[in-house]
């Protein structure tokens, strides 16, 4: 996405929380509020409230959804995290796999503008996303029709995750860097560069969704 296609990013007094986080976040915040209210006048209850409040704060940090941009490049990273592998494939495409640890933002973004032509959910296991056998994990496969041709993005579940939450239906038009979905609790996202597009990132490099360029000119 070119810089002039990004709106100005305002500062938020209250951080945005990710769509799809409510089933986990709201109970944690309610429990924290109750723990604080019932802890008044009791040192023991105050001590018990500390881990509950800590859990709620951790949930809020995990489900944060910051605004991003501006950025430029034909392909932008779909996820925050560390590049786990850059794999040339027999069909000429290049797969860039990004591992997200629990401290990373887990809202994923479209690497370029296009139309969603396919969303396929495949059930599977919940191995750690950095494990080579995570190829058999639960996943959601996105297919986009773009000016660069057909582009595939795969959201892969991690060890603790139990839900991948897509934000768009088939037929939706998405802009580059637009939010496309959430993976709960540790995971991996693969972007497949089309044939003839060279990768600009290397294994071990840190990337940010909607900001880090994946391709070379």
N, C-alpha and C. Protein backbone atom coordinates (compact mmCIF):
# COMPACT_ATOMS: atom_id res chain seq x y z
N UNK A 1 0.85 -1.19 0.00
CA UNK A 1 0.00 0.00 0.00
C UNK A 1 0.88 1.23 0.00
N UNK A 2 0.57 2.19 -0.86
CA UNK A 2 1.33 3.42 -0.90
C UNK A 2 0.92 4.31 0.27
N UNK A 3 1.82 5.22 0.70
CA UNK A 3 1.53 6.01 1.89
C UNK A 3 0.24 6.80 1.80
N UNK A 4 -0.13 7.33 0.57
CA UNK A 4 -1.32 8.17 0.48
C UNK A 4 -2.61 7.37 0.60
N UNK A 5 -2.54 6.04 0.66
CA UNK A 5 -3.74 5.24 0.83
C UNK A 5 -4.02 4.94 2.29
N UNK A 6 -3.12 5.32 3.16
CA UNK A 6 -3.34 5.16 4.58
C UNK A 6 -3.91 6.46 5.15
N UNK A 7 -4.97 6.38 5.94
CA UNK A 7 -5.44 7.57 6.65
C UNK A 7 -4.47 7.91 7.77
N UNK A 8 -4.55 9.12 8.27
CA UNK A 8 -3.74 9.49 9.42
C UNK A 8 -4.09 8.60 10.59
N UNK A 9 -3.08 8.15 11.34
CA UNK A 9 -3.30 7.25 12.46
C UNK A 9 -3.41 8.07 13.74
N UNK A 10 -4.61 8.22 14.30
CA UNK A 10 -4.75 9.03 15.52
C UNK A 10 -4.24 8.27 16.73
N UNK A 11 -3.86 9.01 17.76
CA UNK A 11 -3.47 8.40 19.01
C UNK A 11 -4.73 8.03 19.78
N UNK A 12 -4.74 6.83 20.35
CA UNK A 12 -5.90 6.36 21.10
C UNK A 12 -5.62 6.43 22.58
N UNK A 13 -6.59 6.97 23.33
CA UNK A 13 -6.45 6.99 24.78
C UNK A 13 -6.64 5.59 25.35
N UNK A 14 -7.56 4.83 24.74
CA UNK A 14 -7.79 3.44 25.13
C UNK A 14 -7.42 2.55 23.95
N UNK A 15 -6.48 1.62 24.11
CA UNK A 15 -6.06 0.77 22.99
C UNK A 15 -7.23 -0.02 22.41
N UNK A 16 -7.22 -0.18 21.10
CA UNK A 16 -8.22 -1.00 20.43
C UNK A 16 -8.01 -2.46 20.80
N UNK A 17 -9.10 -3.16 21.07
CA UNK A 17 -9.04 -4.59 21.31
C UNK A 17 -9.50 -5.34 20.05
N UNK A 18 -8.92 -6.48 19.81
CA UNK A 18 -9.19 -7.23 18.59
C UNK A 18 -10.62 -7.76 18.55
N UNK A 19 -11.24 -7.69 17.38
CA UNK A 19 -12.52 -8.36 17.18
C UNK A 19 -12.33 -9.86 17.41
N UNK A 20 -13.27 -10.48 18.11
CA UNK A 20 -13.16 -11.90 18.41
C UNK A 20 -12.49 -12.19 19.74
N UNK A 21 -12.10 -11.14 20.47
CA UNK A 21 -11.42 -11.35 21.75
C UNK A 21 -12.38 -11.40 22.93
N UNK A 22 -13.64 -10.96 22.73
CA UNK A 22 -14.57 -10.81 23.85
C UNK A 22 -14.78 -12.08 24.68
N UNK A 23 -14.91 -13.28 24.07
CA UNK A 23 -15.15 -14.48 24.90
C UNK A 23 -14.04 -14.76 25.90
N UNK A 24 -12.83 -14.29 25.64
CA UNK A 24 -11.72 -14.48 26.57
C UNK A 24 -11.48 -13.23 27.42
N UNK A 25 -11.55 -12.08 26.80
CA UNK A 25 -11.18 -10.84 27.48
C UNK A 25 -12.22 -10.39 28.50
N UNK A 26 -13.49 -10.41 28.15
CA UNK A 26 -14.52 -9.90 29.06
C UNK A 26 -14.60 -10.69 30.37
N UNK A 27 -14.58 -12.04 30.35
CA UNK A 27 -14.57 -12.75 31.63
C UNK A 27 -13.35 -12.44 32.48
N UNK A 28 -12.19 -12.28 31.84
CA UNK A 28 -10.98 -11.97 32.59
C UNK A 28 -11.09 -10.59 33.24
N UNK A 29 -11.62 -9.60 32.51
CA UNK A 29 -11.78 -8.26 33.08
C UNK A 29 -12.83 -8.25 34.19
N UNK A 30 -13.92 -9.02 33.99
CA UNK A 30 -14.95 -9.08 35.03
C UNK A 30 -14.41 -9.72 36.31
N UNK A 31 -13.63 -10.79 36.15
CA UNK A 31 -13.04 -11.45 37.31
C UNK A 31 -12.08 -10.51 38.04
N UNK A 32 -11.31 -9.74 37.27
CA UNK A 32 -10.37 -8.79 37.89
C UNK A 32 -11.12 -7.71 38.66
N UNK A 33 -12.20 -7.19 38.05
CA UNK A 33 -12.98 -6.17 38.74
C UNK A 33 -13.60 -6.70 40.02
N UNK A 34 -14.11 -7.91 39.96
CA UNK A 34 -14.71 -8.51 41.15
C UNK A 34 -13.66 -8.76 42.24
N UNK A 35 -12.48 -9.22 41.81
CA UNK A 35 -11.41 -9.48 42.77
C UNK A 35 -10.98 -8.21 43.48
N UNK A 36 -10.89 -7.10 42.74
CA UNK A 36 -10.50 -5.83 43.35
C UNK A 36 -11.57 -5.35 44.33
N UNK A 37 -12.83 -5.44 43.93
CA UNK A 37 -13.92 -4.97 44.79
C UNK A 37 -14.01 -5.76 46.10
N UNK A 38 -13.80 -7.06 46.01
CA UNK A 38 -13.95 -7.91 47.21
C UNK A 38 -12.69 -7.96 48.06
N UNK A 39 -11.61 -7.33 47.57
CA UNK A 39 -10.34 -7.39 48.32
C UNK A 39 -10.21 -6.28 49.36
N UNK A 40 -11.12 -5.35 49.36
CA UNK A 40 -11.01 -4.21 50.28
C UNK A 40 -11.08 -4.67 51.74
N UNK A 41 -10.11 -4.20 52.50
CA UNK A 41 -10.10 -4.50 53.92
C UNK A 41 -9.52 -5.84 54.28
N UNK A 42 -8.98 -6.57 53.32
CA UNK A 42 -8.42 -7.89 53.60
C UNK A 42 -7.11 -8.07 52.85
N UNK A 43 -6.01 -8.24 53.59
CA UNK A 43 -4.72 -8.46 52.94
C UNK A 43 -4.69 -9.77 52.18
N UNK A 44 -5.34 -10.79 52.72
CA UNK A 44 -5.35 -12.09 52.05
C UNK A 44 -6.07 -12.00 50.71
N UNK A 45 -7.23 -11.31 50.70
CA UNK A 45 -7.97 -11.19 49.44
C UNK A 45 -7.24 -10.30 48.45
N UNK A 46 -6.50 -9.29 48.96
CA UNK A 46 -5.70 -8.46 48.06
C UNK A 46 -4.61 -9.28 47.39
N UNK A 47 -3.99 -10.17 48.18
CA UNK A 47 -2.94 -11.03 47.61
C UNK A 47 -3.52 -11.96 46.55
N UNK A 48 -4.73 -12.47 46.79
CA UNK A 48 -5.38 -13.34 45.82
C UNK A 48 -5.81 -12.58 44.57
N UNK A 49 -6.08 -11.29 44.73
CA UNK A 49 -6.52 -10.48 43.58
C UNK A 49 -5.39 -10.20 42.61
N UNK A 50 -4.15 -10.18 43.09
CA UNK A 50 -3.01 -9.81 42.25
C UNK A 50 -2.90 -10.70 41.00
N UNK A 51 -2.88 -12.05 41.12
CA UNK A 51 -2.77 -12.85 39.90
C UNK A 51 -3.97 -12.72 38.98
N UNK A 52 -5.16 -12.48 39.55
CA UNK A 52 -6.35 -12.32 38.72
C UNK A 52 -6.24 -11.05 37.88
N UNK A 53 -5.82 -9.97 38.52
CA UNK A 53 -5.61 -8.71 37.79
C UNK A 53 -4.49 -8.86 36.77
N UNK A 54 -3.44 -9.59 37.15
CA UNK A 54 -2.34 -9.82 36.22
C UNK A 54 -2.78 -10.59 34.99
N UNK A 55 -3.65 -11.59 35.20
CA UNK A 55 -4.18 -12.36 34.07
C UNK A 55 -4.99 -11.47 33.14
N UNK A 56 -5.83 -10.60 33.70
CA UNK A 56 -6.64 -9.69 32.89
C UNK A 56 -5.76 -8.74 32.09
N UNK A 57 -4.70 -8.23 32.74
CA UNK A 57 -3.78 -7.33 32.04
C UNK A 57 -3.07 -8.06 30.91
N UNK A 58 -2.69 -9.32 31.15
CA UNK A 58 -2.06 -10.11 30.11
C UNK A 58 -2.99 -10.36 28.94
N UNK A 59 -4.26 -10.62 29.23
CA UNK A 59 -5.25 -10.82 28.18
C UNK A 59 -5.40 -9.55 27.33
N UNK A 60 -5.49 -8.40 28.02
CA UNK A 60 -5.64 -7.14 27.31
C UNK A 60 -4.43 -6.87 26.41
N UNK A 61 -3.23 -7.20 26.91
CA UNK A 61 -2.02 -7.01 26.10
C UNK A 61 -2.03 -7.95 24.90
N UNK A 62 -2.41 -9.19 25.11
CA UNK A 62 -2.42 -10.16 24.01
C UNK A 62 -3.40 -9.75 22.92
N UNK A 63 -4.57 -9.26 23.30
CA UNK A 63 -5.62 -8.96 22.33
C UNK A 63 -5.58 -7.51 21.84
N UNK A 64 -4.50 -6.79 22.09
CA UNK A 64 -4.39 -5.43 21.58
C UNK A 64 -4.38 -5.45 20.04
N UNK A 65 -4.88 -4.38 19.46
CA UNK A 65 -4.98 -4.31 18.00
C UNK A 65 -4.59 -2.91 17.55
N UNK A 66 -3.29 -2.61 17.52
CA UNK A 66 -2.85 -1.25 17.19
C UNK A 66 -3.07 -0.92 15.72
N UNK A 67 -3.26 0.38 15.45
CA UNK A 67 -3.32 0.84 14.06
C UNK A 67 -1.93 0.77 13.46
N UNK A 68 -1.88 0.56 12.15
CA UNK A 68 -0.60 0.43 11.46
C UNK A 68 -0.56 1.32 10.22
N UNK A 69 0.66 1.57 9.74
CA UNK A 69 0.87 2.33 8.53
C UNK A 69 1.49 3.68 8.86
N UNK A 70 1.96 4.42 7.84
CA UNK A 70 1.94 4.04 6.43
C UNK A 70 3.07 3.07 6.09
N UNK A 71 2.94 2.41 4.96
CA UNK A 71 3.96 1.49 4.49
C UNK A 71 3.90 1.42 2.97
N UNK A 72 4.95 0.92 2.35
CA UNK A 72 4.96 0.78 0.90
C UNK A 72 5.57 -0.56 0.52
N UNK A 73 5.25 -1.01 -0.69
CA UNK A 73 5.73 -2.30 -1.18
C UNK A 73 4.59 -3.09 -1.76
N UNK A 74 4.89 -3.98 -2.70
CA UNK A 74 3.83 -4.78 -3.30
C UNK A 74 3.24 -5.76 -2.30
N UNK A 75 4.10 -6.34 -1.44
CA UNK A 75 3.65 -7.32 -0.45
C UNK A 75 4.11 -6.86 0.93
N UNK A 76 3.17 -6.83 1.87
CA UNK A 76 3.51 -6.51 3.26
C UNK A 76 3.28 -7.73 4.13
N UNK A 77 3.97 -7.79 5.25
CA UNK A 77 3.81 -8.92 6.16
C UNK A 77 2.36 -9.00 6.64
N UNK A 78 1.86 -10.23 6.75
CA UNK A 78 0.50 -10.45 7.25
C UNK A 78 0.47 -10.61 8.76
N UNK A 79 1.64 -10.73 9.39
CA UNK A 79 1.68 -11.02 10.83
C UNK A 79 2.87 -10.34 11.49
N UNK A 80 2.74 -10.07 12.78
CA UNK A 80 3.86 -9.67 13.61
C UNK A 80 4.62 -10.93 14.03
N UNK A 81 5.91 -10.82 14.17
CA UNK A 81 6.66 -11.97 14.66
C UNK A 81 8.04 -12.07 14.06
N UNK A 82 8.53 -13.29 13.96
CA UNK A 82 9.87 -13.58 13.45
C UNK A 82 9.75 -14.51 12.25
N UNK A 83 10.49 -14.21 11.19
CA UNK A 83 10.47 -15.08 10.01
C UNK A 83 11.08 -16.43 10.37
N UNK A 84 10.26 -17.48 10.26
CA UNK A 84 10.69 -18.82 10.62
C UNK A 84 11.36 -19.54 9.45
N UNK A 85 10.85 -19.30 8.24
CA UNK A 85 11.43 -19.94 7.06
C UNK A 85 11.07 -19.15 5.82
N UNK A 86 11.94 -19.24 4.81
CA UNK A 86 11.70 -18.68 3.48
C UNK A 86 11.97 -19.82 2.51
N UNK A 87 10.90 -20.41 1.97
CA UNK A 87 11.02 -21.66 1.23
C UNK A 87 10.61 -21.51 -0.23
N UNK A 88 11.56 -21.66 -1.18
CA UNK A 88 11.16 -21.74 -2.59
C UNK A 88 10.39 -23.05 -2.83
N UNK A 89 9.30 -22.98 -3.54
CA UNK A 89 8.46 -24.15 -3.79
C UNK A 89 8.58 -24.61 -5.24
N UNK A 90 8.26 -25.89 -5.51
CA UNK A 90 8.40 -26.40 -6.88
C UNK A 90 7.57 -25.65 -7.91
N UNK A 91 6.45 -25.04 -7.50
CA UNK A 91 5.60 -24.33 -8.46
C UNK A 91 6.07 -22.90 -8.73
N UNK A 92 7.23 -22.51 -8.17
CA UNK A 92 7.78 -21.18 -8.42
C UNK A 92 7.43 -20.16 -7.36
N UNK A 93 6.48 -20.48 -6.49
CA UNK A 93 6.14 -19.56 -5.42
C UNK A 93 7.18 -19.63 -4.29
N UNK A 94 7.16 -18.64 -3.41
CA UNK A 94 8.02 -18.64 -2.22
C UNK A 94 7.14 -18.50 -0.99
N UNK A 95 7.28 -19.42 -0.07
CA UNK A 95 6.51 -19.36 1.18
C UNK A 95 7.33 -18.67 2.26
N UNK A 96 6.75 -17.63 2.84
CA UNK A 96 7.38 -16.94 3.96
C UNK A 96 6.54 -17.23 5.19
N UNK A 97 7.12 -17.95 6.16
CA UNK A 97 6.41 -18.35 7.37
C UNK A 97 6.86 -17.45 8.52
N UNK A 98 5.89 -16.84 9.21
CA UNK A 98 6.17 -15.95 10.34
C UNK A 98 5.59 -16.57 11.61
N UNK A 99 6.46 -16.79 12.59
CA UNK A 99 6.02 -17.34 13.88
C UNK A 99 5.67 -16.21 14.83
N UNK A 100 4.49 -16.31 15.46
CA UNK A 100 4.05 -15.32 16.43
C UNK A 100 4.12 -15.92 17.83
N UNK A 101 4.86 -15.27 18.73
CA UNK A 101 4.87 -15.74 20.11
C UNK A 101 3.74 -15.04 20.88
N UNK A 102 3.46 -15.44 22.11
CA UNK A 102 2.32 -14.87 22.84
C UNK A 102 2.41 -13.37 23.09
N UNK A 103 3.59 -12.76 22.93
CA UNK A 103 3.73 -11.32 23.15
C UNK A 103 3.45 -10.50 21.90
N UNK A 104 3.37 -11.16 20.74
CA UNK A 104 3.11 -10.44 19.50
C UNK A 104 1.64 -10.10 19.35
N UNK A 105 1.35 -9.07 18.54
CA UNK A 105 -0.03 -8.79 18.13
C UNK A 105 -0.50 -9.97 17.27
N UNK A 106 -1.72 -10.45 17.52
CA UNK A 106 -2.21 -11.64 16.82
C UNK A 106 -3.32 -11.34 15.82
N UNK A 107 -3.51 -10.06 15.51
CA UNK A 107 -4.41 -9.68 14.41
C UNK A 107 -3.60 -9.70 13.13
N UNK A 108 -4.09 -10.41 12.12
CA UNK A 108 -3.38 -10.54 10.86
C UNK A 108 -3.96 -9.62 9.79
N UNK A 109 -3.14 -9.27 8.80
CA UNK A 109 -3.52 -8.27 7.80
C UNK A 109 -3.26 -8.76 6.39
N UNK A 110 -3.99 -8.19 5.44
CA UNK A 110 -3.84 -8.56 4.04
C UNK A 110 -2.50 -8.06 3.51
N UNK A 111 -1.71 -8.92 2.86
CA UNK A 111 -0.41 -8.47 2.36
C UNK A 111 -0.50 -7.51 1.18
N UNK A 112 -1.62 -7.55 0.45
CA UNK A 112 -1.85 -6.61 -0.65
C UNK A 112 -3.35 -6.54 -0.91
N UNK A 113 -3.77 -5.55 -1.69
CA UNK A 113 -5.19 -5.37 -1.96
C UNK A 113 -5.70 -6.46 -2.89
N UNK A 114 -6.97 -6.83 -2.72
CA UNK A 114 -7.56 -7.83 -3.59
C UNK A 114 -8.96 -8.21 -3.15
N UNK A 115 -9.48 -9.24 -3.79
CA UNK A 115 -10.81 -9.77 -3.47
C UNK A 115 -10.65 -11.16 -2.88
N UNK A 116 -11.33 -11.43 -1.78
CA UNK A 116 -11.28 -12.74 -1.16
C UNK A 116 -12.06 -13.72 -2.04
N UNK A 117 -11.37 -14.69 -2.61
CA UNK A 117 -12.02 -15.68 -3.47
C UNK A 117 -12.16 -17.05 -2.80
N UNK A 118 -11.52 -17.23 -1.64
CA UNK A 118 -11.63 -18.51 -0.95
C UNK A 118 -11.23 -18.39 0.50
N UNK A 119 -12.01 -19.03 1.38
CA UNK A 119 -11.68 -19.17 2.80
C UNK A 119 -11.96 -20.61 3.17
N UNK A 120 -10.92 -21.38 3.38
CA UNK A 120 -11.07 -22.81 3.68
C UNK A 120 -10.56 -23.12 5.08
N UNK A 121 -11.42 -23.66 5.91
CA UNK A 121 -11.02 -24.08 7.26
C UNK A 121 -10.68 -25.57 7.23
N UNK A 122 -9.50 -25.91 7.72
CA UNK A 122 -9.09 -27.31 7.81
C UNK A 122 -8.83 -27.65 9.27
N UNK A 123 -9.58 -28.57 9.86
CA UNK A 123 -9.33 -28.96 11.24
C UNK A 123 -8.01 -29.71 11.35
N UNK A 124 -7.44 -29.72 12.54
CA UNK A 124 -6.18 -30.43 12.74
C UNK A 124 -5.75 -30.37 14.18
N UNK A 125 -4.46 -30.60 14.42
CA UNK A 125 -3.93 -30.65 15.77
C UNK A 125 -3.56 -29.28 16.28
N UNK A 126 -2.90 -29.26 17.43
CA UNK A 126 -2.50 -28.00 18.08
C UNK A 126 -1.08 -28.12 18.59
N UNK A 127 -0.16 -28.52 17.69
CA UNK A 127 1.25 -28.58 18.05
C UNK A 127 1.83 -27.18 18.07
N UNK A 128 2.96 -26.97 18.77
CA UNK A 128 3.60 -25.65 18.72
C UNK A 128 3.83 -25.21 17.28
N UNK A 129 3.56 -23.94 16.98
CA UNK A 129 3.63 -23.47 15.60
C UNK A 129 5.04 -23.52 15.03
N UNK A 130 6.09 -23.57 15.91
CA UNK A 130 7.46 -23.66 15.41
C UNK A 130 7.87 -25.11 15.13
N UNK A 131 7.02 -26.08 15.47
CA UNK A 131 7.32 -27.49 15.24
C UNK A 131 7.08 -27.83 13.77
N UNK A 132 7.97 -28.63 13.18
CA UNK A 132 7.81 -28.99 11.77
C UNK A 132 6.51 -29.73 11.51
N UNK A 133 6.00 -30.44 12.50
CA UNK A 133 4.74 -31.17 12.34
C UNK A 133 3.52 -30.28 12.47
N UNK A 134 3.73 -28.97 12.70
CA UNK A 134 2.59 -28.05 12.76
C UNK A 134 1.91 -27.91 11.41
N UNK A 135 2.51 -28.47 10.35
CA UNK A 135 1.85 -28.49 9.04
C UNK A 135 0.52 -29.22 9.12
N UNK A 136 0.31 -30.03 10.15
CA UNK A 136 -0.96 -30.76 10.31
C UNK A 136 -1.89 -30.06 11.29
N UNK A 137 -1.53 -28.86 11.73
CA UNK A 137 -2.38 -28.12 12.67
C UNK A 137 -3.63 -27.57 12.00
N UNK A 138 -4.60 -27.18 12.84
CA UNK A 138 -5.77 -26.49 12.32
C UNK A 138 -5.33 -25.22 11.62
N UNK A 139 -6.05 -24.88 10.53
CA UNK A 139 -5.66 -23.71 9.75
C UNK A 139 -6.83 -23.11 8.99
N UNK A 140 -6.67 -21.87 8.58
CA UNK A 140 -7.59 -21.22 7.66
C UNK A 140 -6.78 -20.75 6.46
N UNK A 141 -7.20 -21.18 5.27
CA UNK A 141 -6.48 -20.86 4.04
C UNK A 141 -7.25 -19.77 3.29
N UNK A 142 -6.62 -18.62 3.13
CA UNK A 142 -7.20 -17.48 2.40
C UNK A 142 -6.64 -17.46 0.98
N UNK A 143 -7.53 -17.22 0.02
CA UNK A 143 -7.11 -17.01 -1.37
C UNK A 143 -7.60 -15.64 -1.82
N UNK A 144 -6.69 -14.85 -2.36
CA UNK A 144 -7.02 -13.49 -2.81
C UNK A 144 -6.75 -13.37 -4.32
N UNK A 145 -7.67 -12.72 -5.01
CA UNK A 145 -7.44 -12.34 -6.41
C UNK A 145 -6.90 -10.93 -6.40
N UNK A 146 -5.66 -10.75 -6.86
CA UNK A 146 -4.98 -9.46 -6.77
C UNK A 146 -4.38 -9.07 -8.11
N UNK A 147 -3.84 -7.86 -8.17
CA UNK A 147 -3.18 -7.41 -9.40
C UNK A 147 -1.92 -8.21 -9.68
N UNK A 148 -1.41 -8.94 -8.69
CA UNK A 148 -0.25 -9.80 -8.87
C UNK A 148 -0.65 -11.24 -9.15
N UNK A 149 -1.94 -11.48 -9.35
CA UNK A 149 -2.44 -12.84 -9.54
C UNK A 149 -3.01 -13.40 -8.25
N UNK A 150 -3.15 -14.72 -8.20
CA UNK A 150 -3.71 -15.37 -7.01
C UNK A 150 -2.66 -15.43 -5.91
N UNK A 151 -3.05 -15.01 -4.71
CA UNK A 151 -2.14 -14.99 -3.57
C UNK A 151 -2.79 -15.76 -2.42
N UNK A 152 -2.00 -16.59 -1.76
CA UNK A 152 -2.49 -17.42 -0.65
C UNK A 152 -1.86 -16.96 0.67
N UNK A 153 -2.71 -16.86 1.69
CA UNK A 153 -2.26 -16.59 3.07
C UNK A 153 -2.87 -17.66 3.95
N UNK A 154 -2.06 -18.28 4.82
CA UNK A 154 -2.55 -19.35 5.68
C UNK A 154 -2.32 -18.99 7.14
N UNK A 155 -3.39 -18.98 7.91
CA UNK A 155 -3.31 -18.80 9.37
C UNK A 155 -3.27 -20.19 10.00
N UNK A 156 -2.24 -20.47 10.78
CA UNK A 156 -2.03 -21.80 11.36
C UNK A 156 -2.12 -21.72 12.88
N UNK A 157 -2.91 -22.60 13.46
CA UNK A 157 -3.10 -22.63 14.91
C UNK A 157 -1.83 -23.08 15.61
N UNK A 158 -1.67 -22.63 16.85
CA UNK A 158 -0.54 -23.03 17.67
C UNK A 158 -0.96 -24.02 18.74
N UNK A 159 -0.12 -24.15 19.77
CA UNK A 159 -0.32 -25.18 20.79
C UNK A 159 -1.54 -24.92 21.66
N UNK A 160 -1.82 -23.65 21.99
CA UNK A 160 -2.90 -23.34 22.92
C UNK A 160 -4.16 -22.84 22.23
N UNK A 161 -4.05 -22.52 20.95
CA UNK A 161 -5.17 -21.89 20.27
C UNK A 161 -6.31 -22.87 20.05
N UNK A 162 -7.52 -22.35 20.06
CA UNK A 162 -8.68 -23.19 19.77
C UNK A 162 -9.62 -22.52 18.79
N UNK A 163 -9.22 -21.39 18.21
CA UNK A 163 -10.10 -20.70 17.30
C UNK A 163 -9.33 -19.71 16.43
N UNK A 164 -9.59 -19.76 15.15
CA UNK A 164 -9.13 -18.75 14.21
C UNK A 164 -10.37 -17.99 13.77
N UNK A 165 -10.34 -16.67 13.88
CA UNK A 165 -11.52 -15.85 13.64
C UNK A 165 -11.33 -15.03 12.37
N UNK A 166 -11.93 -15.43 11.23
CA UNK A 166 -11.85 -14.61 10.01
C UNK A 166 -12.74 -13.37 10.14
N UNK A 167 -12.30 -12.27 9.55
CA UNK A 167 -13.05 -11.02 9.60
C UNK A 167 -13.84 -10.73 8.32
N UNK A 168 -13.59 -11.49 7.25
CA UNK A 168 -14.23 -11.18 5.97
C UNK A 168 -14.83 -12.44 5.35
N UNK A 169 -15.91 -12.30 4.56
CA UNK A 169 -16.47 -13.43 3.82
C UNK A 169 -15.87 -13.51 2.42
N UNK A 170 -16.12 -14.60 1.73
CA UNK A 170 -15.74 -14.71 0.32
C UNK A 170 -16.46 -13.61 -0.46
N UNK A 171 -15.73 -12.98 -1.37
CA UNK A 171 -16.29 -11.89 -2.17
C UNK A 171 -15.96 -10.51 -1.65
N UNK A 172 -15.43 -10.43 -0.43
CA UNK A 172 -15.11 -9.12 0.15
C UNK A 172 -13.86 -8.54 -0.52
N UNK A 173 -13.88 -7.22 -0.68
CA UNK A 173 -12.70 -6.50 -1.17
C UNK A 173 -11.91 -6.02 0.04
N UNK A 174 -10.62 -6.26 0.04
CA UNK A 174 -9.77 -5.82 1.15
C UNK A 174 -8.65 -4.95 0.60
N UNK A 175 -8.26 -3.98 1.41
CA UNK A 175 -7.14 -3.11 1.07
C UNK A 175 -5.86 -3.69 1.65
N UNK A 176 -4.74 -3.31 1.09
CA UNK A 176 -3.46 -3.74 1.62
C UNK A 176 -3.31 -3.26 3.07
N UNK A 177 -2.94 -4.17 3.94
CA UNK A 177 -2.77 -3.83 5.34
C UNK A 177 -4.05 -3.88 6.15
N UNK A 178 -5.18 -4.19 5.51
CA UNK A 178 -6.45 -4.27 6.25
C UNK A 178 -6.49 -5.53 7.10
N UNK A 179 -7.12 -5.44 8.26
CA UNK A 179 -7.23 -6.59 9.15
C UNK A 179 -8.07 -7.68 8.48
N UNK A 180 -7.59 -8.93 8.53
CA UNK A 180 -8.35 -10.03 7.94
C UNK A 180 -8.78 -11.08 8.97
N UNK A 181 -8.15 -11.11 10.14
CA UNK A 181 -8.55 -12.12 11.11
C UNK A 181 -7.65 -12.17 12.32
N UNK A 182 -8.07 -12.98 13.28
CA UNK A 182 -7.37 -13.12 14.56
C UNK A 182 -7.09 -14.59 14.83
N UNK A 183 -5.90 -14.88 15.31
CA UNK A 183 -5.59 -16.23 15.82
C UNK A 183 -5.36 -16.09 17.31
N UNK A 184 -6.04 -16.92 18.10
CA UNK A 184 -5.95 -16.82 19.55
C UNK A 184 -4.81 -17.67 20.10
N UNK A 185 -3.86 -17.03 20.78
CA UNK A 185 -2.87 -17.69 21.63
C UNK A 185 -1.79 -18.47 20.88
N UNK A 186 -0.91 -17.75 20.21
CA UNK A 186 0.30 -18.35 19.67
C UNK A 186 0.08 -19.11 18.38
N UNK A 187 0.82 -18.78 17.32
CA UNK A 187 0.49 -19.33 16.02
C UNK A 187 1.50 -18.93 14.96
N UNK A 188 1.14 -19.22 13.69
CA UNK A 188 2.01 -18.94 12.56
C UNK A 188 1.17 -18.49 11.38
N UNK A 189 1.74 -17.61 10.55
CA UNK A 189 1.07 -17.17 9.33
C UNK A 189 2.04 -17.32 8.16
N UNK A 190 1.57 -17.96 7.09
CA UNK A 190 2.36 -18.15 5.89
C UNK A 190 1.81 -17.27 4.77
N UNK A 191 2.69 -16.55 4.07
CA UNK A 191 2.33 -15.80 2.87
C UNK A 191 3.08 -16.42 1.70
N UNK A 192 2.37 -16.67 0.61
CA UNK A 192 2.97 -17.28 -0.57
C UNK A 192 3.17 -16.21 -1.64
N UNK A 193 4.43 -15.86 -1.91
CA UNK A 193 4.73 -14.91 -2.97
C UNK A 193 4.60 -15.60 -4.32
N UNK A 194 3.99 -14.95 -5.31
CA UNK A 194 3.82 -15.57 -6.63
C UNK A 194 5.16 -15.82 -7.33
N UNK A 195 5.18 -16.66 -8.36
CA UNK A 195 6.41 -16.88 -9.13
C UNK A 195 6.97 -15.57 -9.67
N UNK A 196 8.27 -15.43 -9.61
CA UNK A 196 8.93 -14.23 -10.11
C UNK A 196 9.07 -13.12 -9.09
N UNK A 197 8.50 -13.29 -7.89
CA UNK A 197 8.61 -12.28 -6.84
C UNK A 197 9.64 -12.75 -5.82
N UNK A 198 10.73 -12.00 -5.69
CA UNK A 198 11.81 -12.40 -4.80
C UNK A 198 11.56 -11.88 -3.38
N UNK A 199 11.88 -12.68 -2.36
CA UNK A 199 11.66 -12.25 -0.97
C UNK A 199 12.69 -11.22 -0.54
N UNK A 200 12.26 -10.30 0.31
CA UNK A 200 13.15 -9.27 0.84
C UNK A 200 13.47 -9.50 2.31
N UNK A 201 12.99 -10.59 2.90
CA UNK A 201 13.22 -10.87 4.32
C UNK A 201 14.03 -12.16 4.46
N UNK A 202 14.63 -12.33 5.63
CA UNK A 202 15.47 -13.49 5.88
C UNK A 202 15.03 -14.18 7.16
N UNK A 203 15.41 -15.44 7.31
CA UNK A 203 15.09 -16.19 8.52
C UNK A 203 15.67 -15.47 9.74
N UNK A 204 14.84 -15.35 10.79
CA UNK A 204 15.26 -14.69 12.01
C UNK A 204 14.93 -13.22 12.06
N UNK A 205 14.47 -12.65 10.96
CA UNK A 205 14.15 -11.23 10.93
C UNK A 205 12.80 -10.96 11.59
N UNK A 206 12.70 -9.89 12.36
CA UNK A 206 11.45 -9.48 12.96
C UNK A 206 10.64 -8.68 11.95
N UNK A 207 9.34 -8.95 11.88
CA UNK A 207 8.46 -8.26 10.94
C UNK A 207 7.21 -7.77 11.67
N UNK A 208 6.52 -6.79 11.06
CA UNK A 208 5.30 -6.24 11.61
C UNK A 208 4.22 -6.26 10.54
N UNK A 209 3.03 -6.74 10.93
CA UNK A 209 1.92 -6.83 9.99
C UNK A 209 1.54 -5.45 9.47
N UNK A 210 1.38 -5.37 8.14
CA UNK A 210 0.96 -4.11 7.54
C UNK A 210 2.05 -3.07 7.41
N UNK A 211 3.30 -3.41 7.78
CA UNK A 211 4.38 -2.43 7.71
C UNK A 211 5.65 -2.99 7.05
N UNK A 212 6.03 -4.22 7.36
CA UNK A 212 7.29 -4.75 6.83
C UNK A 212 7.08 -5.28 5.42
N UNK A 213 7.92 -4.84 4.50
CA UNK A 213 7.84 -5.28 3.11
C UNK A 213 8.44 -6.67 2.98
N UNK A 214 7.74 -7.54 2.23
CA UNK A 214 8.21 -8.92 2.04
C UNK A 214 8.93 -9.14 0.72
N UNK A 215 8.74 -8.26 -0.27
CA UNK A 215 9.25 -8.51 -1.61
C UNK A 215 10.30 -7.49 -2.01
N UNK A 216 11.17 -7.91 -2.94
CA UNK A 216 12.16 -7.01 -3.53
C UNK A 216 11.57 -6.37 -4.78
N UNK A 217 12.10 -5.20 -5.16
CA UNK A 217 11.68 -4.56 -6.41
C UNK A 217 12.07 -5.43 -7.59
